[in-house]
Amino acid sequence: MKTALTILFIIICLAMVILVMAQEGKEAGLGTISGMSDTYWGKNKGRSKEGKLIKATTVVSVLFFVMAIVLCLI
């Protein structure tokens, strides 16, 4: 049982690394000064590819912490 959970934990770790590396940087350029962040893409970011990556990263990070706690208790 512990071996299977450890393998699942390693897979979750690799998925988290890949998801974090796939995200774009959060640098704020001159577009935020002129109000370019209030465009259609800025308002609907949750439906875009970047928004889906952020949601997937959140889910995988929660799974990471749950699995870490479970492995410590076993």
C-alpha atoms as a PDB file:
ATOM      1  CA  MET A   1       0.000   0.000   0.000  1.00  0.00           C
ATOM      2  CA  LYS A   2       2.747   2.438   0.926  1.00  0.00           C
ATOM      3  CA  THR A   3       4.612   1.660  -2.300  1.00  0.00           C
ATOM      4  CA  ALA A   4       1.539   2.426  -4.405  1.00  0.00           C
ATOM      5  CA  LEU A   5       0.968   5.709  -2.548  1.00  0.00           C
ATOM      6  CA  THR A   6       4.616   6.656  -2.984  1.00  0.00           C
ATOM      7  CA  ILE A   7       4.420   6.043  -6.737  1.00  0.00           C
ATOM      8  CA  LEU A   8       1.227   8.130  -6.901  1.00  0.00           C
ATOM      9  CA  PHE A   9       2.979  10.872  -4.910  1.00  0.00           C
ATOM     10  CA  ILE A  10       5.880  10.918  -7.385  1.00  0.00           C
ATOM     11  CA  ILE A  11       3.447  11.203 -10.298  1.00  0.00           C
ATOM     12  CA  ILE A  12       1.698  14.116  -8.564  1.00  0.00           C
ATOM     13  CA  CYS A  13       5.072  15.803  -7.980  1.00  0.00           C
ATOM     14  CA  LEU A  14       6.006  15.487 -11.647  1.00  0.00           C
ATOM     15  CA  ALA A  15       2.600  16.813 -12.721  1.00  0.00           C
ATOM     16  CA  MET A  16       2.996  19.825 -10.454  1.00  0.00           C
ATOM     17  CA  VAL A  17       6.446  20.607 -11.847  1.00  0.00           C
ATOM     18  CA  ILE A  18       5.144  20.385 -15.415  1.00  0.00           C
ATOM     19  CA  LEU A  19       2.115  22.574 -14.677  1.00  0.00           C
ATOM     20  CA  VAL A  20       4.180  25.264 -12.963  1.00  0.00           C
ATOM     21  CA  MET A  21       6.712  25.307 -15.799  1.00  0.00           C
ATOM     22  CA  ALA A  22       3.916  25.614 -18.395  1.00  0.00           C
ATOM     23  CA  GLN A  23       2.523  28.798 -16.840  1.00  0.00           C
ATOM     24  CA  GLU A  24       3.422  32.240 -18.100  1.00  0.00           C
ATOM     25  CA  GLY A  25       5.233  34.786 -15.967  1.00  0.00           C
ATOM     26  CA  LYS A  26       3.297  37.360 -13.971  1.00  0.00           C
ATOM     27  CA  GLU A  27       5.447  40.335 -14.921  1.00  0.00           C
ATOM     28  CA  ALA A  28       3.469  43.547 -15.137  1.00  0.00           C
ATOM     29  CA  GLY A  29       4.591  45.582 -18.103  1.00  0.00           C
ATOM     30  CA  LEU A  30       3.541  48.995 -19.330  1.00  0.00           C
ATOM     31  CA  GLY A  31       0.197  47.539 -20.443  1.00  0.00           C
ATOM     32  CA  THR A  32      -1.131  47.760 -16.900  1.00  0.00           C
ATOM     33  CA  ILE A  33      -0.422  51.485 -16.740  1.00  0.00           C
ATOM     34  CA  SER A  34      -2.455  52.260 -19.858  1.00  0.00           C
ATOM     35  CA  GLY A  35      -5.328  49.983 -18.836  1.00  0.00           C
ATOM     36  CA  MET A  36      -4.622  47.162 -21.269  1.00  0.00           C
ATOM     37  CA  SER A  37      -5.233  44.611 -18.523  1.00  0.00           C
ATOM     38  CA  ASP A  38      -8.979  45.393 -18.721  1.00  0.00           C
ATOM     39  CA  THR A  39      -9.341  43.739 -22.112  1.00  0.00           C
ATOM     40  CA  TYR A  40     -11.517  40.765 -22.990  1.00  0.00           C
ATOM     41  CA  TRP A  41      -8.652  38.351 -22.295  1.00  0.00           C
ATOM     42  CA  GLY A  42      -7.937  39.953 -18.933  1.00  0.00           C
ATOM     43  CA  LYS A  43     -11.550  39.683 -17.792  1.00  0.00           C
ATOM     44  CA  ASN A  44     -12.066  36.102 -19.030  1.00  0.00           C
ATOM     45  CA  LYS A  45      -8.763  34.662 -17.909  1.00  0.00           C
ATOM     46  CA  GLY A  46     -10.459  31.783 -16.086  1.00  0.00           C
ATOM     47  CA  ARG A  47     -11.702  30.381 -19.386  1.00  0.00           C
ATOM     48  CA  SER A  48      -8.383  30.681 -21.198  1.00  0.00           C
ATOM     49  CA  LYS A  49      -5.512  28.223 -21.321  1.00  0.00           C
ATOM     50  CA  GLU A  50      -3.704  30.112 -18.568  1.00  0.00           C
ATOM     51  CA  GLY A  51      -6.778  30.027 -16.348  1.00  0.00           C
ATOM     52  CA  LYS A  52      -7.105  26.279 -16.803  1.00  0.00           C
ATOM     53  CA  LEU A  53      -3.419  25.832 -15.956  1.00  0.00           C
ATOM     54  CA  ILE A  54      -3.877  27.818 -12.743  1.00  0.00           C
ATOM     55  CA  LYS A  55      -6.902  25.734 -11.724  1.00  0.00           C
ATOM     56  CA  ALA A  56      -5.080  22.477 -12.515  1.00  0.00           C
ATOM     57  CA  THR A  57      -2.055  23.649 -10.523  1.00  0.00           C
ATOM     58  CA  THR A  58      -4.297  24.411  -7.545  1.00  0.00           C
ATOM     59  CA  VAL A  59      -5.887  20.961  -7.672  1.00  0.00           C
ATOM     60  CA  VAL A  60      -2.539  19.187  -8.025  1.00  0.00           C
ATOM     61  CA  SER A  61      -0.993  21.203  -5.179  1.00  0.00           C
ATOM     62  CA  VAL A  62      -3.887  20.257  -2.858  1.00  0.00           C
ATOM     63  CA  LEU A  63      -3.401  16.604  -3.854  1.00  0.00           C
ATOM     64  CA  PHE A  64       0.316  17.004  -3.156  1.00  0.00           C
ATOM     65  CA  PHE A  65      -0.272  18.181   0.406  1.00  0.00           C
ATOM     66  CA  VAL A  66      -2.936  15.551   1.090  1.00  0.00           C
ATOM     67  CA  MET A  67      -0.666  12.780  -0.183  1.00  0.00           C
ATOM     68  CA  ALA A  68       2.259  14.133   1.846  1.00  0.00           C
ATOM     69  CA  ILE A  69       0.160  14.032   5.011  1.00  0.00           C
ATOM     70  CA  VAL A  70      -1.148  10.547   4.238  1.00  0.00           C
ATOM     71  CA  LEU A  71       2.370   9.232   3.623  1.00  0.00           C
ATOM     72  CA  CYS A  72       3.574  10.721   6.883  1.00  0.00           C
ATOM     73  CA  LEU A  73       0.792   9.073   8.837  1.00  0.00           C
ATOM     74  CA  ILE A  74       1.326   5.636   7.343  1.00  0.00           C
END
